[in-house]
Every structure is written in C-alpha cells, then in structure tokens.
Amino acid sequence: MNQRNHRLSELIYREIGSIILTEMRDPRFKDLTITGVKLNDDLSYAKVYFTIPDHTKIKETAKALNHAQGFFRSKIGERIDIKYIPQIKFYFDESQQNADKIEQIFREIHSEKLNS
C-alpha cells in the first residue's frame, strides 16, 4: 500500500465513523464500529469493514450500510477534497470472531493439558 492509498484509507475511515456518529439516525447503526478501510490500487473502490455486538444482525446491518453507500459517498465528497470518490462496499469484519475461536481452542488445549 503506497502512502497516498494509506492516507486516503485513513481519511475515509475517520469520515465514515464520524458520519455514522453524527448524521445517521438508523438504530441499526447504534453499536456499529468501523474497523478499517482498504482501497484498491487505483483508489476507485473501498472495502469498509465493521463489527457489531449482535452477530444475528450482521446481514441486516451490512445490507442497510450498503444501501446507504450513496449517502456516505456524497458526505465524503463534501468533507474530503479528492477528484473521485471511491465506490464503497461494507463487509463484516470477521477477524475478532476468528481471534475468539483461536483463543477458545487454546483454552481447550490448556484445559486438556491440566486435566491429563
């Protein structure tokens, strides 16, 4: 990732978080956390990653976020001075779930060693 890509990813990350906190009224976004933004090499496409505590609402939340992507793009365009605003797609960030699963496996292994 080059410097420009990294800077723009960070800007979009901050702005989307700010937009959700200050301008979104949808209750589905109340406990939402933006965890990262990854831009492709030509800066035309942004993958925005999020987490929510209630994992039963992942699909519903992703659908709502992606439905509002035009709103996010227009707000980002107002806040960041760039020629082209990237297309935005929201994805659930599974890294915390994966880390929890790995930690659970380690606990089970440790417990088995203590019991043997």
PDB file of N, CA and C in Angstrom:
ATOM      1  N   MET A   1       0.848  -1.172   0.000  1.00  0.00           N
ATOM      2  CA  MET A   1       0.000   0.000   0.000  1.00  0.00           C
ATOM      3  C   MET A   1       0.897   1.239   0.000  1.00  0.00           C
ATOM      4  N   ASN A   2       0.710   2.095  -0.990  1.00  0.00           N
ATOM      5  CA  ASN A   2       1.534   3.296  -1.039  1.00  0.00           C
ATOM      6  C   ASN A   2       1.005   4.353  -0.068  1.00  0.00           C
ATOM      7  N   GLN A   3       1.773   5.417   0.088  1.00  0.00           N
ATOM      8  CA  GLN A   3       1.454   6.455   1.066  1.00  0.00           C
ATOM      9  C   GLN A   3       0.105   7.121   0.780  1.00  0.00           C
ATOM     10  N   ARG A   4      -0.172   7.424  -0.472  1.00  0.00           N
ATOM     11  CA  ARG A   4      -1.430   8.086  -0.838  1.00  0.00           C
ATOM     12  C   ARG A   4      -2.623   7.180  -0.516  1.00  0.00           C
ATOM     13  N   ASN A   5      -2.501   5.916  -0.860  1.00  0.00           N
ATOM     14  CA  ASN A   5      -3.544   4.940  -0.581  1.00  0.00           C
ATOM     15  C   ASN A   5      -3.799   4.867   0.929  1.00  0.00           C
ATOM     16  N   HIS A   6      -2.724   4.784   1.696  1.00  0.00           N
ATOM     17  CA  HIS A   6      -2.837   4.692   3.149  1.00  0.00           C
ATOM     18  C   HIS A   6      -3.502   5.940   3.733  1.00  0.00           C
ATOM     19  N   ARG A   7      -3.079   7.116   3.291  1.00  0.00           N
ATOM     20  CA  ARG A   7      -3.652   8.376   3.788  1.00  0.00           C
ATOM     21  C   ARG A   7      -5.140   8.469   3.482  1.00  0.00           C
ATOM     22  N   LEU A   8      -5.514   8.144   2.246  1.00  0.00           N
ATOM     23  CA  LEU A   8      -6.921   8.222   1.854  1.00  0.00           C
ATOM     24  C   LEU A   8      -7.756   7.180   2.603  1.00  0.00           C
ATOM     25  N   SER A   9      -7.214   6.000   2.800  1.00  0.00           N
ATOM     26  CA  SER A   9      -7.921   4.974   3.588  1.00  0.00           C
ATOM     27  C   SER A   9      -8.211   5.481   4.993  1.00  0.00           C
ATOM     28  N   GLU A  10      -7.212   6.097   5.616  1.00  0.00           N
ATOM     29  CA  GLU A  10      -7.381   6.640   6.966  1.00  0.00           C
ATOM     30  C   GLU A  10      -8.412   7.760   6.994  1.00  0.00           C
ATOM     31  N   LEU A  11      -8.382   8.635   5.993  1.00  0.00           N
ATOM     32  CA  LEU A  11      -9.364   9.724   5.923  1.00  0.00           C
ATOM     33  C   LEU A  11     -10.782   9.176   5.785  1.00  0.00           C
ATOM     34  N   ILE A  12     -10.964   8.232   4.893  1.00  0.00           N
ATOM     35  CA  ILE A  12     -12.289   7.644   4.685  1.00  0.00           C
ATOM     36  C   ILE A  12     -12.750   6.925   5.950  1.00  0.00           C
ATOM     37  N   TYR A  13     -11.841   6.221   6.597  1.00  0.00           N
ATOM     38  CA  TYR A  13     -12.142   5.533   7.855  1.00  0.00           C
ATOM     39  C   TYR A  13     -12.681   6.519   8.894  1.00  0.00           C
ATOM     40  N   ARG A  14     -11.971   7.619   9.087  1.00  0.00           N
ATOM     41  CA  ARG A  14     -12.391   8.624  10.071  1.00  0.00           C
ATOM     42  C   ARG A  14     -13.715   9.273   9.688  1.00  0.00           C
ATOM     43  N   GLU A  15     -13.860   9.602   8.418  1.00  0.00           N
ATOM     44  CA  GLU A  15     -15.080  10.292   7.982  1.00  0.00           C
ATOM     45  C   GLU A  15     -16.307   9.397   8.080  1.00  0.00           C
ATOM     46  N   ILE A  16     -16.193   8.143   7.699  1.00  0.00           N
ATOM     47  CA  ILE A  16     -17.347   7.244   7.808  1.00  0.00           C
ATOM     48  C   ILE A  16     -17.743   7.071   9.271  1.00  0.00           C
ATOM     49  N   GLY A  17     -16.762   6.919  10.144  1.00  0.00           N
ATOM     50  CA  GLY A  17     -17.063   6.830  11.574  1.00  0.00           C
ATOM     51  C   GLY A  17     -17.770   8.075  12.079  1.00  0.00           C
ATOM     52  N   SER A  18     -17.296   9.218  11.656  1.00  0.00           N
ATOM     53  CA  SER A  18     -17.902  10.489  12.051  1.00  0.00           C
ATOM     54  C   SER A  18     -19.318  10.629  11.500  1.00  0.00           C
ATOM     55  N   ILE A  19     -19.513  10.254  10.255  1.00  0.00           N
ATOM     56  CA  ILE A  19     -20.842  10.334   9.630  1.00  0.00           C
ATOM     57  C   ILE A  19     -21.831   9.447  10.383  1.00  0.00           C
ATOM     58  N   ILE A  20     -21.406   8.248  10.737  1.00  0.00           N
ATOM     59  CA  ILE A  20     -22.292   7.337  11.465  1.00  0.00           C
ATOM     60  C   ILE A  20     -22.661   7.926  12.823  1.00  0.00           C
ATOM     61  N   LEU A  21     -21.685   8.516  13.511  1.00  0.00           N
ATOM     62  CA  LEU A  21     -21.948   9.088  14.833  1.00  0.00           C
ATOM     63  C   LEU A  21     -22.826  10.328  14.784  1.00  0.00           C
ATOM     64  N   THR A  22     -22.619  11.179  13.798  1.00  0.00           N
ATOM     65  CA  THR A  22     -23.266  12.487  13.817  1.00  0.00           C
ATOM     66  C   THR A  22     -24.461  12.642  12.891  1.00  0.00           C
ATOM     67  N   GLU A  23     -24.548  11.832  11.837  1.00  0.00           N
ATOM     68  CA  GLU A  23     -25.577  12.092  10.839  1.00  0.00           C
ATOM     69  C   GLU A  23     -26.532  10.937  10.566  1.00  0.00           C
ATOM     70  N   MET A  24     -26.211   9.762  11.031  1.00  0.00           N
ATOM     71  CA  MET A  24     -27.077   8.610  10.773  1.00  0.00           C
ATOM     72  C   MET A  24     -28.066   8.451  11.926  1.00  0.00           C
ATOM     73  N   ARG A  25     -29.317   8.309  11.597  1.00  0.00           N
ATOM     74  CA  ARG A  25     -30.368   8.162  12.605  1.00  0.00           C
ATOM     75  C   ARG A  25     -30.863   6.713  12.706  1.00  0.00           C
ATOM     76  N   ASP A  26     -30.343   5.855  11.882  1.00  0.00           N
ATOM     77  CA  ASP A  26     -30.796   4.466  11.827  1.00  0.00           C
ATOM     78  C   ASP A  26     -30.362   3.727  13.098  1.00  0.00           C
ATOM     79  N   PRO A  27     -31.308   3.168  13.866  1.00  0.00           N
ATOM     80  CA  PRO A  27     -30.949   2.470  15.105  1.00  0.00           C
ATOM     81  C   PRO A  27     -30.078   1.230  14.877  1.00  0.00           C
ATOM     82  N   ARG A  28     -30.062   0.699  13.664  1.00  0.00           N
ATOM     83  CA  ARG A  28     -29.212  -0.468  13.382  1.00  0.00           C
ATOM     84  C   ARG A  28     -27.729  -0.116  13.455  1.00  0.00           C
ATOM     85  N   PHE A  29     -27.417   1.167  13.394  1.00  0.00           N
ATOM     86  CA  PHE A  29     -26.017   1.591  13.411  1.00  0.00           C
ATOM     87  C   PHE A  29     -25.555   2.042  14.798  1.00  0.00           C
ATOM     88  N   LYS A  30     -26.420   1.904  15.799  1.00  0.00           N
ATOM     89  CA  LYS A  30     -26.125   2.419  17.137  1.00  0.00           C
ATOM     90  C   LYS A  30     -24.834   1.842  17.729  1.00  0.00           C
ATOM     91  N   ASP A  31     -24.657   0.546  17.666  1.00  0.00           N
ATOM     92  CA  ASP A  31     -23.488  -0.103  18.272  1.00  0.00           C
ATOM     93  C   ASP A  31     -22.442  -0.518  17.245  1.00  0.00           C
ATOM     94  N   LEU A  32     -22.524   0.042  16.072  1.00  0.00           N
ATOM     95  CA  LEU A  32     -21.632  -0.308  14.968  1.00  0.00           C
ATOM     96  C   LEU A  32     -20.250   0.320  15.164  1.00  0.00           C
ATOM     97  N   THR A  33     -19.217  -0.421  14.835  1.00  0.00           N
ATOM     98  CA  THR A  33     -17.854   0.097  14.869  1.00  0.00           C
ATOM     99  C   THR A  33     -17.209  -0.144  13.515  1.00  0.00           C
ATOM    100  N   ILE A  34     -16.668   0.904  12.928  1.00  0.00           N
ATOM    101  CA  ILE A  34     -15.897   0.760  11.693  1.00  0.00           C
ATOM    102  C   ILE A  34     -14.495   0.336  12.107  1.00  0.00           C
ATOM    103  N   THR A  35     -14.012  -0.773  11.544  1.00  0.00           N
ATOM    104  CA  THR A  35     -12.712  -1.308  11.958  1.00  0.00           C
ATOM    105  C   THR A  35     -11.598  -1.049  10.955  1.00  0.00           C
ATOM    106  N   GLY A  36     -11.943  -0.715   9.724  1.00  0.00           N
ATOM    107  CA  GLY A  36     -10.893  -0.454   8.744  1.00  0.00           C
ATOM    108  C   GLY A  36     -11.444  -0.177   7.368  1.00  0.00           C
ATOM    109  N   VAL A  37     -10.575   0.377   6.534  1.00  0.00           N
ATOM    110  CA  VAL A  37     -10.900   0.658   5.133  1.00  0.00           C
ATOM    111  C   VAL A  37      -9.722   0.205   4.296  1.00  0.00           C
ATOM    112  N   LYS A  38     -10.003  -0.546   3.239  1.00  0.00           N
ATOM    113  CA  LYS A  38      -8.960  -0.956   2.296  1.00  0.00           C
ATOM    114  C   LYS A  38      -9.347  -0.468   0.914  1.00  0.00           C
ATOM    115  N   LEU A  39      -8.458   0.298   0.303  1.00  0.00           N
ATOM    116  CA  LEU A  39      -8.671   0.804  -1.052  1.00  0.00           C
ATOM    117  C   LEU A  39      -7.904  -0.044  -2.044  1.00  0.00           C
ATOM    118  N   ASN A  40      -8.470  -0.200  -3.246  1.00  0.00           N
ATOM    119  CA  ASN A  40      -7.709  -0.889  -4.287  1.00  0.00           C
ATOM    120  C   ASN A  40      -6.626   0.058  -4.811  1.00  0.00           C
ATOM    121  N   ASP A  41      -5.754  -0.443  -5.674  1.00  0.00           N
ATOM    122  CA  ASP A  41      -4.584   0.325  -6.114  1.00  0.00           C
ATOM    123  C   ASP A  41      -4.919   1.623  -6.835  1.00  0.00           C
ATOM    124  N   ASP A  42      -6.000   1.642  -7.617  1.00  0.00           N
ATOM    125  CA  ASP A  42      -6.325   2.884  -8.335  1.00  0.00           C
ATOM    126  C   ASP A  42      -7.297   3.781  -7.557  1.00  0.00           C
ATOM    127  N   LEU A  43      -7.556   3.442  -6.301  1.00  0.00           N
ATOM    128  CA  LEU A  43      -8.371   4.242  -5.378  1.00  0.00           C
ATOM    129  C   LEU A  43      -9.825   4.386  -5.820  1.00  0.00           C
ATOM    130  N   SER A  44     -10.305   3.472  -6.634  1.00  0.00           N
ATOM    131  CA  SER A  44     -11.672   3.580  -7.142  1.00  0.00           C
ATOM    132  C   SER A  44     -12.679   2.758  -6.338  1.00  0.00           C
ATOM    133  N   TYR A  45     -12.187   1.918  -5.444  1.00  0.00           N
ATOM    134  CA  TYR A  45     -13.060   1.006  -4.715  1.00  0.00           C
ATOM    135  C   TYR A  45     -12.571   0.878  -3.279  1.00  0.00           C
ATOM    136  N   ALA A  46     -13.480   1.065  -2.324  1.00  0.00           N
ATOM    137  CA  ALA A  46     -13.128   0.966  -0.907  1.00  0.00           C
ATOM    138  C   ALA A  46     -13.938  -0.135  -0.244  1.00  0.00           C
ATOM    139  N   LYS A  47     -13.237  -1.046   0.406  1.00  0.00           N
ATOM    140  CA  LYS A  47     -13.890  -2.042   1.253  1.00  0.00           C
ATOM    141  C   LYS A  47     -13.854  -1.483   2.672  1.00  0.00           C
ATOM    142  N   VAL A  48     -15.035  -1.300   3.253  1.00  0.00           N
ATOM    143  CA  VAL A  48     -15.138  -0.753   4.601  1.00  0.00           C
ATOM    144  C   VAL A  48     -15.592  -1.882   5.523  1.00  0.00           C
ATOM    145  N   TYR A  49     -14.808  -2.138   6.565  1.00  0.00           N
ATOM    146  CA  TYR A  49     -15.080  -3.241   7.477  1.00  0.00           C
ATOM    147  C   TYR A  49     -15.705  -2.724   8.767  1.00  0.00           C
ATOM    148  N   PHE A  50     -16.685  -3.482   9.283  1.00  0.00           N
ATOM    149  CA  PHE A  50     -17.383  -3.083  10.501  1.00  0.00           C
ATOM    150  C   PHE A  50     -17.603  -4.285  11.405  1.00  0.00           C
ATOM    151  N   THR A  51     -17.877  -3.996  12.676  1.00  0.00           N
ATOM    152  CA  THR A  51     -18.302  -5.021  13.623  1.00  0.00           C
ATOM    153  C   THR A  51     -19.531  -4.501  14.362  1.00  0.00           C
ATOM    154  N   ILE A  52     -20.307  -5.440  14.865  1.00  0.00           N
ATOM    155  CA  ILE A  52     -21.439  -5.134  15.735  1.00  0.00           C
ATOM    156  C   ILE A  52     -21.499  -6.215  16.806  1.00  0.00           C
ATOM    157  N   PRO A  53     -21.965  -5.855  18.005  1.00  0.00           N
ATOM    158  CA  PRO A  53     -22.004  -6.853  19.074  1.00  0.00           C
ATOM    159  C   PRO A  53     -23.015  -7.976  18.822  1.00  0.00           C
ATOM    160  N   ASP A  54     -24.140  -7.652  18.205  1.00  0.00           N
ATOM    161  CA  ASP A  54     -25.185  -8.645  17.958  1.00  0.00           C
ATOM    162  C   ASP A  54     -24.947  -9.312  16.605  1.00  0.00           C
ATOM    163  N   HIS A  55     -24.320 -10.469  16.634  1.00  0.00           N
ATOM    164  CA  HIS A  55     -23.948 -11.146  15.388  1.00  0.00           C
ATOM    165  C   HIS A  55     -25.140 -11.703  14.619  1.00  0.00           C
ATOM    166  N   THR A  56     -26.321 -11.686  15.224  1.00  0.00           N
ATOM    167  CA  THR A  56     -27.510 -12.135  14.496  1.00  0.00           C
ATOM    168  C   THR A  56     -27.982 -11.072  13.504  1.00  0.00           C
ATOM    169  N   LYS A  57     -27.436  -9.864  13.617  1.00  0.00           N
ATOM    170  CA  LYS A  57     -27.880  -8.764  12.747  1.00  0.00           C
ATOM    171  C   LYS A  57     -26.825  -8.350  11.723  1.00  0.00           C
ATOM    172  N   ILE A  58     -25.862  -9.206  11.476  1.00  0.00           N
ATOM    173  CA  ILE A  58     -24.779  -8.874  10.550  1.00  0.00           C
ATOM    174  C   ILE A  58     -25.314  -8.611   9.147  1.00  0.00           C
ATOM    175  N   LYS A  59     -26.096  -9.539   8.614  1.00  0.00           N
ATOM    176  CA  LYS A  59     -26.595  -9.382   7.238  1.00  0.00           C
ATOM    177  C   LYS A  59     -27.488  -8.156   7.105  1.00  0.00           C
ATOM    178  N   GLU A  60     -28.367  -7.962   8.071  1.00  0.00           N
ATOM    179  CA  GLU A  60     -29.277  -6.815   8.046  1.00  0.00           C
ATOM    180  C   GLU A  60     -28.495  -5.500   8.079  1.00  0.00           C
ATOM    181  N   THR A  61     -27.478  -5.443   8.929  1.00  0.00           N
ATOM    182  CA  THR A  61     -26.675  -4.230   9.053  1.00  0.00           C
ATOM    183  C   THR A  61     -25.863  -3.982   7.789  1.00  0.00           C
ATOM    184  N   ALA A  62     -25.250  -5.027   7.246  1.00  0.00           N
ATOM    185  CA  ALA A  62     -24.471  -4.875   6.008  1.00  0.00           C
ATOM    186  C   ALA A  62     -25.366  -4.393   4.873  1.00  0.00           C
ATOM    187  N   LYS A  63     -26.555  -4.948   4.796  1.00  0.00           N
ATOM    188  CA  LYS A  63     -27.491  -4.537   3.744  1.00  0.00           C
ATOM    189  C   LYS A  63     -27.867  -3.062   3.906  1.00  0.00           C
ATOM    190  N   ALA A  64     -28.141  -2.638   5.125  1.00  0.00           N
ATOM    191  CA  ALA A  64     -28.501  -1.238   5.375  1.00  0.00           C
ATOM    192  C   ALA A  64     -27.339  -0.301   5.051  1.00  0.00           C
ATOM    193  N   LEU A  65     -26.134  -0.685   5.456  1.00  0.00           N
ATOM    194  CA  LEU A  65     -24.956   0.140   5.160  1.00  0.00           C
ATOM    195  C   LEU A  65     -24.735   0.248   3.658  1.00  0.00           C
ATOM    196  N   ASN A  66     -24.816  -0.866   2.967  1.00  0.00           N
ATOM    197  CA  ASN A  66     -24.597  -0.848   1.521  1.00  0.00           C
ATOM    198  C   ASN A  66     -25.705  -0.094   0.795  1.00  0.00           C
ATOM    199  N   HIS A  67     -26.900  -0.129   1.340  1.00  0.00           N
ATOM    200  CA  HIS A  67     -28.000   0.644   0.761  1.00  0.00           C
ATOM    201  C   HIS A  67     -27.724   2.152   0.894  1.00  0.00           C
ATOM    202  N   ALA A  68     -27.029   2.537   1.972  1.00  0.00           N
ATOM    203  CA  ALA A  68     -26.723   3.949   2.229  1.00  0.00           C
ATOM    204  C   ALA A  68     -25.383   4.381   1.637  1.00  0.00           C
ATOM    205  N   GLN A  69     -24.753   3.537   0.823  1.00  0.00           N
ATOM    206  CA  GLN A  69     -23.408   3.864   0.325  1.00  0.00           C
ATOM    207  C   GLN A  69     -23.381   5.155  -0.482  1.00  0.00           C
ATOM    208  N   GLY A  70     -24.445   5.472  -1.197  1.00  0.00           N
ATOM    209  CA  GLY A  70     -24.507   6.731  -1.939  1.00  0.00           C
ATOM    210  C   GLY A  70     -24.479   7.930  -1.008  1.00  0.00           C
ATOM    211  N   PHE A  71     -25.189   7.823   0.107  1.00  0.00           N
ATOM    212  CA  PHE A  71     -25.171   8.870   1.129  1.00  0.00           C
ATOM    213  C   PHE A  71     -23.760   9.055   1.673  1.00  0.00           C
ATOM    214  N   PHE A  72     -23.089   7.935   1.995  1.00  0.00           N
ATOM    215  CA  PHE A  72     -21.717   8.009   2.503  1.00  0.00           C
ATOM    216  C   PHE A  72     -20.790   8.658   1.477  1.00  0.00           C
ATOM    217  N   ARG A  73     -20.923   8.274   0.214  1.00  0.00           N
ATOM    218  CA  ARG A  73     -20.066   8.846  -0.836  1.00  0.00           C
ATOM    219  C   ARG A  73     -20.283  10.352  -0.953  1.00  0.00           C
ATOM    220  N   SER A  74     -21.535  10.790  -0.907  1.00  0.00           N
ATOM    221  CA  SER A  74     -21.789  12.228  -1.043  1.00  0.00           C
ATOM    222  C   SER A  74     -21.235  12.994   0.153  1.00  0.00           C
ATOM    223  N   LYS A  75     -21.383  12.458   1.346  1.00  0.00           N
ATOM    224  CA  LYS A  75     -20.846  13.120   2.545  1.00  0.00           C
ATOM    225  C   LYS A  75     -19.319  13.142   2.528  1.00  0.00           C
ATOM    226  N   ILE A  76     -18.707  12.047   2.085  1.00  0.00           N
ATOM    227  CA  ILE A  76     -17.243  12.016   1.978  1.00  0.00           C
ATOM    228  C   ILE A  76     -16.786  13.054   0.966  1.00  0.00           C
ATOM    229  N   GLY A  77     -17.510  13.174  -0.142  1.00  0.00           N
ATOM    230  CA  GLY A  77     -17.185  14.176  -1.155  1.00  0.00           C
ATOM    231  C   GLY A  77     -17.257  15.594  -0.624  1.00  0.00           C
ATOM    232  N   GLU A  78     -18.167  15.843   0.309  1.00  0.00           N
ATOM    233  CA  GLU A  78     -18.269  17.165   0.929  1.00  0.00           C
ATOM    234  C   GLU A  78     -17.120  17.428   1.897  1.00  0.00           C
ATOM    235  N   ARG A  79     -16.593  16.376   2.499  1.00  0.00           N
ATOM    236  CA  ARG A  79     -15.613  16.525   3.572  1.00  0.00           C
ATOM    237  C   ARG A  79     -14.161  16.374   3.120  1.00  0.00           C
ATOM    238  N   ILE A  80     -13.931  15.620   2.063  1.00  0.00           N
ATOM    239  CA  ILE A  80     -12.562  15.357   1.604  1.00  0.00           C
ATOM    240  C   ILE A  80     -12.410  15.915   0.198  1.00  0.00           C
ATOM    241  N   ASP A  81     -11.356  16.649  -0.019  1.00  0.00           N
ATOM    242  CA  ASP A  81     -11.117  17.265  -1.326  1.00  0.00           C
ATOM    243  C   ASP A  81     -10.338  16.298  -2.224  1.00  0.00           C
ATOM    244  N   ILE A  82     -11.081  15.401  -2.888  1.00  0.00           N
ATOM    245  CA  ILE A  82     -10.476  14.495  -3.861  1.00  0.00           C
ATOM    246  C   ILE A  82     -11.325  14.514  -5.125  1.00  0.00           C
ATOM    247  N   LYS A  83     -10.679  14.219  -6.237  1.00  0.00           N
ATOM    248  CA  LYS A  83     -11.353  14.299  -7.532  1.00  0.00           C
ATOM    249  C   LYS A  83     -12.436  13.236  -7.676  1.00  0.00           C
ATOM    250  N   TYR A  84     -12.110  11.998  -7.346  1.00  0.00           N
ATOM    251  CA  TYR A  84     -13.056  10.894  -7.477  1.00  0.00           C
ATOM    252  C   TYR A  84     -13.273  10.239  -6.120  1.00  0.00           C
ATOM    253  N   ILE A  85     -14.520  10.063  -5.775  1.00  0.00           N
ATOM    254  CA  ILE A  85     -14.866   9.368  -4.536  1.00  0.00           C
ATOM    255  C   ILE A  85     -14.988   7.880  -4.870  1.00  0.00           C
ATOM    256  N   PRO A  86     -14.284   7.020  -4.139  1.00  0.00           N
ATOM    257  CA  PRO A  86     -14.343   5.592  -4.469  1.00  0.00           C
ATOM    258  C   PRO A  86     -15.733   4.995  -4.230  1.00  0.00           C
ATOM    259  N   GLN A  87     -16.045   3.956  -4.979  1.00  0.00           N
ATOM    260  CA  GLN A  87     -17.227   3.153  -4.692  1.00  0.00           C
ATOM    261  C   GLN A  87     -16.999   2.519  -3.325  1.00  0.00           C
ATOM    262  N   ILE A  88     -18.051   2.373  -2.557  1.00  0.00           N
ATOM    263  CA  ILE A  88     -17.921   1.854  -1.195  1.00  0.00           C
ATOM    264  C   ILE A  88     -18.755   0.586  -1.053  1.00  0.00           C
ATOM    265  N   LYS A  89     -18.151  -0.401  -0.422  1.00  0.00           N
ATOM    266  CA  LYS A  89     -18.870  -1.642  -0.103  1.00  0.00           C
ATOM    267  C   LYS A  89     -18.521  -2.000   1.337  1.00  0.00           C
ATOM    268  N   PHE A  90     -19.534  -2.326   2.126  1.00  0.00           N
ATOM    269  CA  PHE A  90     -19.349  -2.653   3.535  1.00  0.00           C
ATOM    270  C   PHE A  90     -19.314  -4.163   3.733  1.00  0.00           C
ATOM    271  N   TYR A  91     -18.395  -4.590   4.614  1.00  0.00           N
ATOM    272  CA  TYR A  91     -18.216  -6.010   4.929  1.00  0.00           C
ATOM    273  C   TYR A  91     -18.086  -6.179   6.439  1.00  0.00           C
ATOM    274  N   PHE A  92     -18.663  -7.249   6.955  1.00  0.00           N
ATOM    275  CA  PHE A  92     -18.471  -7.570   8.366  1.00  0.00           C
ATOM    276  C   PHE A  92     -17.028  -8.016   8.576  1.00  0.00           C
ATOM    277  N   ASP A  93     -16.393  -7.474   9.591  1.00  0.00           N
ATOM    278  CA  ASP A  93     -15.005  -7.813   9.909  1.00  0.00           C
ATOM    279  C   ASP A  93     -14.995  -9.063  10.790  1.00  0.00           C
ATOM    280  N   GLU A  94     -14.576 -10.160  10.206  1.00  0.00           N
ATOM    281  CA  GLU A  94     -14.590 -11.445  10.913  1.00  0.00           C
ATOM    282  C   GLU A  94     -13.336 -11.685  11.740  1.00  0.00           C
ATOM    283  N   SER A  95     -12.404 -10.766  11.745  1.00  0.00           N
ATOM    284  CA  SER A  95     -11.131 -11.008  12.426  1.00  0.00           C
ATOM    285  C   SER A  95     -11.313 -11.213  13.929  1.00  0.00           C
ATOM    286  N   GLN A  96     -12.218 -10.470  14.566  1.00  0.00           N
ATOM    287  CA  GLN A  96     -12.429 -10.650  16.003  1.00  0.00           C
ATOM    288  C   GLN A  96     -13.061 -12.008  16.289  1.00  0.00           C
ATOM    289  N   GLN A  97     -14.016 -12.409  15.468  1.00  0.00           N
ATOM    290  CA  GLN A  97     -14.625 -13.737  15.632  1.00  0.00           C
ATOM    291  C   GLN A  97     -13.573 -14.824  15.484  1.00  0.00           C
ATOM    292  N   ASN A  98     -12.714 -14.684  14.491  1.00  0.00           N
ATOM    293  CA  ASN A  98     -11.657 -15.676  14.274  1.00  0.00           C
ATOM    294  C   ASN A  98     -10.690 -15.703  15.448  1.00  0.00           C
ATOM    295  N   ALA A  99     -10.338 -14.538  15.972  1.00  0.00           N
ATOM    296  CA  ALA A  99      -9.440 -14.473  17.124  1.00  0.00           C
ATOM    297  C   ALA A  99     -10.084 -15.135  18.342  1.00  0.00           C
ATOM    298  N   ASP A 100     -11.378 -14.911  18.527  1.00  0.00           N
ATOM    299  CA  ASP A 100     -12.087 -15.545  19.646  1.00  0.00           C
ATOM    300  C   ASP A 100     -12.082 -17.065  19.514  1.00  0.00           C
ATOM    301  N   LYS A 101     -12.270 -17.570  18.296  1.00  0.00           N
ATOM    302  CA  LYS A 101     -12.259 -19.019  18.069  1.00  0.00           C
ATOM    303  C   LYS A 101     -10.882 -19.607  18.377  1.00  0.00           C
ATOM    304  N   ILE A 102      -9.839 -18.933  17.939  1.00  0.00           N
ATOM    305  CA  ILE A 102      -8.475 -19.406  18.194  1.00  0.00           C
ATOM    306  C   ILE A 102      -8.190 -19.399  19.692  1.00  0.00           C
ATOM    307  N   GLU A 103      -8.609 -18.333  20.368  1.00  0.00           N
ATOM    308  CA  GLU A 103      -8.403 -18.252  21.810  1.00  0.00           C
ATOM    309  C   GLU A 103      -9.140 -19.385  22.529  1.00  0.00           C
ATOM    310  N   GLN A 104     -10.348 -19.704  22.089  1.00  0.00           N
ATOM    311  CA  GLN A 104     -11.115 -20.801  22.680  1.00  0.00           C
ATOM    312  C   GLN A 104     -10.391 -22.133  22.482  1.00  0.00           C
ATOM    313  N   ILE A 105      -9.822 -22.343  21.320  1.00  0.00           N
ATOM    314  CA  ILE A 105      -9.059 -23.570  21.054  1.00  0.00           C
ATOM    315  C   ILE A 105      -7.864 -23.663  21.992  1.00  0.00           C
ATOM    316  N   PHE A 106      -7.148 -22.550  22.183  1.00  0.00           N
ATOM    317  CA  PHE A 106      -6.007 -22.546  23.102  1.00  0.00           C
ATOM    318  C   PHE A 106      -6.453 -22.856  24.533  1.00  0.00           C
ATOM    319  N   ARG A 107      -7.586 -22.304  24.948  1.00  0.00           N
ATOM    320  CA  ARG A 107      -8.100 -22.585  26.294  1.00  0.00           C
ATOM    321  C   ARG A 107      -8.424 -24.066  26.450  1.00  0.00           C
ATOM    322  N   GLU A 108      -9.032 -24.653  25.417  1.00  0.00           N
ATOM    323  CA  GLU A 108      -9.364 -26.079  25.472  1.00  0.00           C
ATOM    324  C   GLU A 108      -8.106 -26.929  25.549  1.00  0.00           C
ATOM    325  N   ILE A 109      -7.100 -26.584  24.771  1.00  0.00           N
ATOM    326  CA  ILE A 109      -5.831 -27.326  24.801  1.00  0.00           C
ATOM    327  C   ILE A 109      -5.192 -27.204  26.176  1.00  0.00           C
ATOM    328  N   HIS A 110      -5.182 -25.991  26.716  1.00  0.00           N
ATOM    329  CA  HIS A 110      -4.592 -25.757  28.036  1.00  0.00           C
ATOM    330  C   HIS A 110      -5.353 -26.548  29.106  1.00  0.00           C
ATOM    331  N   SER A 111      -6.674 -26.554  29.015  1.00  0.00           N
ATOM    332  CA  SER A 111      -7.503 -27.286  29.970  1.00  0.00           C
ATOM    333  C   SER A 111      -7.238 -28.789  29.885  1.00  0.00           C
ATOM    334  N   GLU A 112      -7.096 -29.311  28.675  1.00  0.00           N
ATOM    335  CA  GLU A 112      -6.808 -30.737  28.489  1.00  0.00           C
ATOM    336  C   GLU A 112      -5.455 -31.101  29.088  1.00  0.00           C
ATOM    337  N   LYS A 113      -4.467 -30.213  28.937  1.00  0.00           N
ATOM    338  CA  LYS A 113      -3.140 -30.485  29.500  1.00  0.00           C
ATOM    339  C   LYS A 113      -3.191 -30.497  31.022  1.00  0.00           C
ATOM    340  N   LEU A 114      -3.980 -29.601  31.604  1.00  0.00           N
ATOM    341  CA  LEU A 114      -4.096 -29.564  33.062  1.00  0.00           C
ATOM    342  C   LEU A 114      -4.812 -30.796  33.605  1.00  0.00           C
ATOM    343  N   ASN A 115      -5.750 -31.310  32.832  1.00  0.00           N
ATOM    344  CA  ASN A 115      -6.530 -32.473  33.273  1.00  0.00           C
ATOM    345  C   ASN A 115      -5.838 -33.807  33.002  1.00  0.00           C
ATOM    346  N   SER A 116      -4.736 -33.811  32.241  1.00  0.00           N
ATOM    347  CA  SER A 116      -4.075 -35.084  31.966  1.00  0.00           C
ATOM    348  C   SER A 116      -2.896 -35.322  32.860  1.00  0.00           C
TER     349      SER A 116
END
